[in-house]
Amino acid sequence: MQYDKIAGAPISWGVCEVPGWGHQMGPERVLREMASLGLKATEFGPLGFLPVEAEARAKVLHDLDMHATGGFFPVLLHDPAHNPLPIVEEELRSYVATGATTLVLAADSGKAGYDEKRAELSDEQWETVFKNLNAISALATSVGVKAVLHPHVGTIIETHGDVVKVVNGSDIAFCLDTGHMVIGGADPVWFSEAHSKRVAHSHLKDVDLVWAKKVQDGEVTYYDAVVQGMYRPLGKGDVDIRAIVRNLLLSGYQGWFVLEQDNVIQEEPAEGSGPYEDAKISVEFLRSVIEAI
């Protein structure tokens, strides 16, 4: 099979929204290395990686000859007193300016980072989540953007039970993140088969399940497990990436496959080393999987 919608994510180069998350590489080098691997697009990365102002962001992408798919965008969804639509509307201006098409939502816990235990929601709060997800999805659709929900460690929507609640309580499409689903206790292979039609975007990462279990059990923080190499290049870990990609493509999937291996680096790597090497392994593995279908 031929399918070339393969993109990169700045977090694979260690660029993250969490304060203190190691050395932050600049967009010129990160996007240049993505392009050299034949990646067709990038996610925006955290606010500040690319300019916040819509037209300036579009100019940087144009100057670096890179298309943007959209990006990861944490939003507070469960507080009945908080209206998330204005901040989403502001972010969507950059999507219109750059031609990006996928808004990747995470259910912000309201706490910094992803290491604190998330709150248990009341029935009222869950209804607020569902209402906000549907409203954001409609708002995004009105400007030609697809909103997807990203279950994520340390957010309000993390576990298998959370995922099932959203499937049943909301119409929102999903970003299938193979790593975060595993760590949250959901099976991404199951989801890619049972709910393939709800998947509109994919974050592909492979996982060392020994470290994932330590995070699940509270033995180490999420951050420390990432530092220790919990995420592996595709094909080098314990997740059946091959089955997930096959399930999605055979179901008619038309979204992006984003190489998103959460990474922490402590200094600017030498040319051709560090994150670039892992990304190259992942790109080659994914292309081989697609070609075999």
Protein backbone atom coordinates (compact mmCIF):
# COMPACT_ATOMS: atom_id res chain seq x y z
CA MET A 1 0.00 0.00 0.00
CA GLN A 2 1.05 3.58 -0.66
CA TYR A 3 0.34 6.11 2.12
CA ASP A 4 2.57 9.12 2.68
CA LYS A 5 0.76 11.13 5.37
CA ILE A 6 3.63 10.76 7.85
CA ALA A 7 4.44 13.72 10.06
CA GLY A 8 6.76 14.58 12.93
CA ALA A 9 6.16 16.10 16.35
CA PRO A 10 8.59 18.48 18.08
CA ILE A 11 8.36 16.42 21.30
CA SER A 12 10.36 13.73 19.47
CA TRP A 13 13.16 16.31 19.49
CA GLY A 14 12.57 17.05 23.19
CA VAL A 15 10.45 20.18 22.66
CA CYS A 16 7.71 20.17 25.32
CA GLU A 17 5.27 22.50 27.07
CA VAL A 18 6.22 21.23 30.56
CA PRO A 19 8.53 23.62 32.49
CA GLY A 20 12.02 22.18 33.07
CA TRP A 21 11.68 19.54 30.35
CA GLY A 22 15.35 19.48 29.35
CA HIS A 23 17.02 21.41 26.54
CA GLN A 24 14.64 22.94 23.99
CA MET A 25 15.86 22.78 20.40
CA GLY A 26 14.91 25.53 17.94
CA PRO A 27 12.40 25.21 15.11
CA GLU A 28 14.93 25.78 12.32
CA ARG A 29 16.91 22.65 13.14
CA VAL A 30 13.95 20.49 14.21
CA LEU A 31 11.95 21.18 11.06
CA ARG A 32 15.03 20.84 8.83
CA GLU A 33 15.71 17.38 10.28
CA MET A 34 12.05 16.38 9.81
CA ALA A 35 12.21 17.43 6.16
CA SER A 36 15.46 15.54 5.61
CA LEU A 37 13.67 12.34 6.73
CA GLY A 38 10.97 12.90 4.13
CA LEU A 39 8.30 13.83 6.66
CA LYS A 40 5.47 15.73 5.00
CA ALA A 41 4.40 17.85 7.96
CA THR A 42 4.89 18.78 11.60
CA GLU A 43 2.69 19.42 14.58
CA PHE A 44 2.97 22.97 15.97
CA GLY A 45 4.68 21.98 19.21
CA PRO A 46 4.10 23.87 22.46
CA LEU A 47 3.14 27.53 22.48
CA GLY A 48 6.31 29.52 21.89
CA PHE A 49 8.11 26.91 19.78
CA LEU A 50 6.57 28.60 16.76
CA PRO A 51 5.28 32.18 16.99
CA VAL A 52 1.98 32.54 18.86
CA GLU A 53 0.58 35.13 16.45
CA ALA A 54 -1.15 33.39 13.55
CA GLU A 55 0.42 35.19 10.59
CA ALA A 56 3.91 35.02 12.09
CA ARG A 57 3.49 31.29 12.68
CA ALA A 58 2.42 30.81 9.09
CA LYS A 59 5.45 32.76 7.86
CA VAL A 60 7.94 30.63 9.83
CA LEU A 61 6.41 27.44 8.43
CA HIS A 62 6.46 28.84 4.92
CA ASP A 63 10.06 30.00 5.23
CA LEU A 64 11.12 26.55 6.46
CA ASP A 65 9.09 24.84 3.69
CA MET A 66 7.04 22.78 6.15
CA HIS A 67 3.30 22.10 6.37
CA ALA A 68 1.59 21.94 9.78
CA THR A 69 -0.98 19.29 10.65
CA GLY A 70 -2.12 21.13 13.78
CA GLY A 71 -1.00 20.51 17.32
CA PHE A 72 -1.40 19.30 20.87
CA PHE A 73 -3.55 21.73 22.84
CA PRO A 74 -4.37 21.14 26.54
CA VAL A 75 -7.72 22.65 27.54
CA LEU A 76 -9.60 22.73 30.86
CA LEU A 77 -12.79 20.84 30.06
CA HIS A 78 -14.31 19.66 33.35
CA ASP A 79 -14.96 22.91 35.25
CA PRO A 80 -18.60 24.09 34.82
CA ALA A 81 -17.50 27.66 35.64
CA HIS A 82 -14.90 27.75 32.85
CA ASN A 83 -15.72 28.35 29.19
CA PRO A 84 -12.93 26.89 27.01
CA LEU A 85 -14.32 28.17 23.70
CA PRO A 86 -12.63 31.61 23.63
CA ILE A 87 -9.10 30.19 24.00
CA VAL A 88 -9.86 27.49 21.42
CA GLU A 89 -11.24 30.09 19.03
CA GLU A 90 -8.03 32.11 19.41
CA GLU A 91 -5.87 29.05 18.70
CA LEU A 92 -7.93 28.17 15.63
CA ARG A 93 -6.88 31.46 14.01
CA SER A 94 -3.42 29.93 13.55
CA TYR A 95 -5.02 26.88 11.91
CA VAL A 96 -6.85 29.02 9.39
CA ALA A 97 -3.67 31.04 8.69
CA THR A 98 -1.44 27.99 8.20
CA GLY A 99 -3.88 25.53 6.63
CA ALA A 100 -3.56 23.14 9.57
CA THR A 101 -6.47 20.73 9.87
CA THR A 102 -6.29 18.80 13.17
CA LEU A 103 -6.72 20.25 16.68
CA VAL A 104 -5.38 17.68 19.18
CA LEU A 105 -7.13 18.30 22.49
CA ALA A 106 -6.00 17.06 25.90
CA ALA A 107 -8.22 17.33 28.98
CA ASP A 108 -6.06 19.57 31.15
CA SER A 109 -6.07 18.60 34.83
CA GLY A 110 -5.35 22.17 35.88
CA LYS A 111 -1.99 21.11 37.35
CA ALA A 112 1.50 21.64 35.97
CA GLY A 113 3.06 18.61 34.28
CA TYR A 114 1.80 15.05 34.10
CA ASP A 115 3.11 13.52 37.31
CA GLU A 116 0.38 14.39 39.82
CA LYS A 117 -2.55 12.03 40.35
CA ARG A 118 -5.54 13.28 38.42
CA ALA A 119 -8.84 14.12 40.10
CA GLU A 120 -11.86 11.83 40.01
CA LEU A 121 -14.73 13.61 38.27
CA SER A 122 -18.31 13.85 39.45
CA ASP A 123 -21.17 13.00 37.10
CA GLU A 124 -21.76 16.74 36.62
CA GLN A 125 -18.13 17.28 35.68
CA TRP A 126 -18.24 14.43 33.16
CA GLU A 127 -21.31 15.98 31.57
CA THR A 128 -19.39 19.26 31.36
CA VAL A 129 -16.52 17.44 29.62
CA PHE A 130 -18.88 15.89 27.07
CA LYS A 131 -20.66 19.21 26.44
CA ASN A 132 -17.35 21.05 25.95
CA LEU A 133 -15.92 18.38 23.67
CA ASN A 134 -18.97 18.51 21.42
CA ALA A 135 -18.95 22.33 21.39
CA ILE A 136 -15.23 22.49 20.54
CA SER A 137 -15.70 19.90 17.81
CA ALA A 138 -18.49 21.99 16.27
CA LEU A 139 -16.45 25.20 16.55
CA ALA A 140 -13.46 23.59 14.84
CA THR A 141 -15.63 22.13 12.09
CA SER A 142 -17.01 25.60 11.37
CA VAL A 143 -13.52 26.73 10.25
CA GLY A 144 -12.56 23.50 8.45
CA VAL A 145 -10.62 21.88 11.30
CA LYS A 146 -11.09 18.43 12.84
CA ALA A 147 -10.94 18.37 16.64
CA VAL A 148 -9.71 15.11 18.17
CA LEU A 149 -9.35 14.05 21.79
CA HIS A 150 -5.98 12.74 22.97
CA PRO A 151 -6.18 10.50 26.07
CA HIS A 152 -2.99 11.37 27.93
CA VAL A 153 -1.19 10.36 31.13
CA GLY A 154 -1.71 12.91 33.89
CA THR A 155 -4.81 14.47 32.32
CA ILE A 156 -8.48 14.05 33.15
CA ILE A 157 -8.95 11.52 30.34
CA GLU A 158 -6.29 8.87 30.84
CA THR A 159 -7.56 5.37 31.67
CA HIS A 160 -9.47 2.68 29.78
CA GLY A 161 -12.57 3.66 31.73
CA ASP A 162 -12.14 7.32 30.80
CA VAL A 163 -11.79 6.42 27.12
CA VAL A 164 -14.96 4.33 27.18
CA LYS A 165 -16.86 7.16 28.87
CA VAL A 166 -15.87 9.58 26.11
CA VAL A 167 -16.69 7.08 23.35
CA ASN A 168 -20.19 6.70 24.78
CA GLY A 169 -20.77 10.26 26.03
CA SER A 170 -19.42 12.44 23.23
CA ASP A 171 -19.24 12.58 19.46
CA ILE A 172 -15.60 13.78 19.45
CA ALA A 173 -13.12 12.01 17.19
CA PHE A 174 -9.94 10.57 18.74
CA CYS A 175 -6.21 10.91 18.43
CA LEU A 176 -4.96 7.35 18.96
CA ASP A 177 -1.73 7.71 20.91
CA THR A 178 -0.26 4.24 21.14
CA GLY A 179 1.95 5.06 24.13
CA HIS A 180 -0.43 6.99 26.35
CA MET A 181 -3.18 4.42 25.83
CA VAL A 182 -0.86 1.64 26.98
CA ILE A 183 0.30 3.55 30.06
CA GLY A 184 -3.28 4.52 30.90
CA GLY A 185 -4.35 0.87 30.82
CA ALA A 186 -6.17 0.85 27.47
CA ASP A 187 -5.24 -1.45 24.58
CA PRO A 188 -4.42 0.57 21.43
CA VAL A 189 -4.70 -2.54 19.24
CA TRP A 190 -8.25 -3.10 20.55
CA PHE A 191 -9.12 0.56 20.02
CA SER A 192 -7.71 0.58 16.47
CA GLU A 193 -10.01 -2.32 15.62
CA ALA A 194 -13.14 -1.69 17.72
CA HIS A 195 -13.27 2.07 17.24
CA SER A 196 -11.31 2.63 14.02
CA LYS A 197 -13.99 4.94 12.62
CA ARG A 198 -13.55 7.30 15.60
CA VAL A 199 -9.81 7.68 14.92
CA ALA A 200 -8.96 10.75 12.85
CA HIS A 201 -5.32 11.29 13.90
CA SER A 202 -2.55 9.06 15.26
CA HIS A 203 0.47 9.56 17.50
CA LEU A 204 2.71 6.55 17.04
CA LYS A 205 5.22 5.69 19.73
CA ASP A 206 6.62 2.38 20.90
CA VAL A 207 6.89 1.58 24.61
CA ASP A 208 9.13 -0.36 26.96
CA LEU A 209 6.42 -2.01 29.06
CA VAL A 210 8.73 -2.50 32.04
CA TRP A 211 8.96 1.27 32.46
CA ALA A 212 5.29 1.77 31.60
CA LYS A 213 4.34 -0.59 34.43
CA LYS A 214 6.52 1.38 36.85
CA VAL A 215 4.61 4.54 35.89
CA GLN A 216 1.28 2.76 36.31
CA ASP A 217 2.29 1.51 39.75
CA GLY A 218 3.58 4.90 40.87
CA GLU A 219 7.16 3.66 41.27
CA VAL A 220 8.54 6.40 38.99
CA THR A 221 7.18 9.62 37.56
CA TYR A 222 6.20 9.92 33.93
CA TYR A 223 9.05 12.37 33.36
CA ASP A 224 11.67 10.10 34.90
CA ALA A 225 10.46 7.15 32.83
CA VAL A 226 10.79 9.22 29.66
CA VAL A 227 14.35 10.14 30.67
CA GLN A 228 15.10 6.44 31.19
CA GLY A 229 13.91 5.55 27.68
CA MET A 230 10.34 4.34 28.23
CA TYR A 231 9.55 5.40 24.67
CA ARG A 232 11.39 3.53 21.97
CA PRO A 233 11.69 4.01 18.20
CA LEU A 234 8.93 2.23 16.33
CA GLY A 235 9.56 -1.49 16.15
CA LYS A 236 11.96 -1.45 19.11
CA GLY A 237 9.40 -1.68 21.93
CA ASP A 238 6.48 -3.84 23.08
CA VAL A 239 3.50 -2.24 21.28
CA ASP A 240 2.14 -3.97 18.17
CA ILE A 241 2.48 -0.93 15.93
CA ARG A 242 2.19 -3.13 12.87
CA ALA A 243 -1.31 -4.35 13.85
CA ILE A 244 -2.49 -0.83 14.76
CA VAL A 245 -1.39 0.70 11.46
CA ARG A 246 -2.88 -2.20 9.54
CA ASN A 247 -6.22 -1.98 11.37
CA LEU A 248 -6.50 1.73 10.70
CA LEU A 249 -5.51 1.69 7.04
CA LEU A 250 -7.73 -1.28 6.18
CA SER A 251 -10.66 0.54 7.81
CA GLY A 252 -10.18 3.47 5.45
CA TYR A 253 -8.18 5.76 7.73
CA GLN A 254 -7.25 9.08 6.08
CA GLY A 255 -5.49 10.88 8.97
CA TRP A 256 -1.85 11.57 9.72
CA PHE A 257 0.56 9.12 11.30
CA VAL A 258 2.61 11.38 13.56
CA LEU A 259 5.93 10.08 14.88
CA GLU A 260 5.69 11.25 18.47
CA GLN A 261 8.28 9.68 20.76
CA ASP A 262 8.32 11.79 23.93
CA ASN A 263 11.95 12.63 24.57
CA VAL A 264 14.12 14.60 26.99
CA ILE A 265 17.53 15.87 25.90
CA GLN A 266 19.96 17.80 28.05
CA GLU A 267 21.99 19.61 25.40
CA GLU A 268 22.04 20.39 21.70
CA PRO A 269 22.98 17.12 19.95
CA ALA A 270 25.61 16.81 17.27
CA GLU A 271 24.35 16.91 13.68
CA GLY A 272 22.80 13.61 12.62
CA SER A 273 22.64 12.23 16.16
CA GLY A 274 20.28 12.16 19.11
CA PRO A 275 16.56 12.52 18.25
CA TYR A 276 17.31 12.41 14.54
CA GLU A 277 18.66 8.86 14.80
CA ASP A 278 15.56 7.58 16.63
CA ALA A 279 13.23 9.36 14.20
CA LYS A 280 15.04 7.79 11.24
CA ILE A 281 14.53 4.30 12.67
CA SER A 282 10.83 5.03 13.23
CA VAL A 283 10.28 6.44 9.74
CA GLU A 284 11.91 3.47 8.08
CA PHE A 285 9.93 1.00 10.19
CA LEU A 286 6.59 2.72 9.53
CA ARG A 287 7.20 2.88 5.80
CA SER A 288 8.02 -0.82 5.74
CA VAL A 289 4.79 -1.61 7.62
CA ILE A 290 2.68 0.44 5.20
CA GLU A 291 4.33 -1.04 2.13
CA ALA A 292 3.58 -4.56 3.39
CA ILE A 293 -0.16 -3.96 3.64
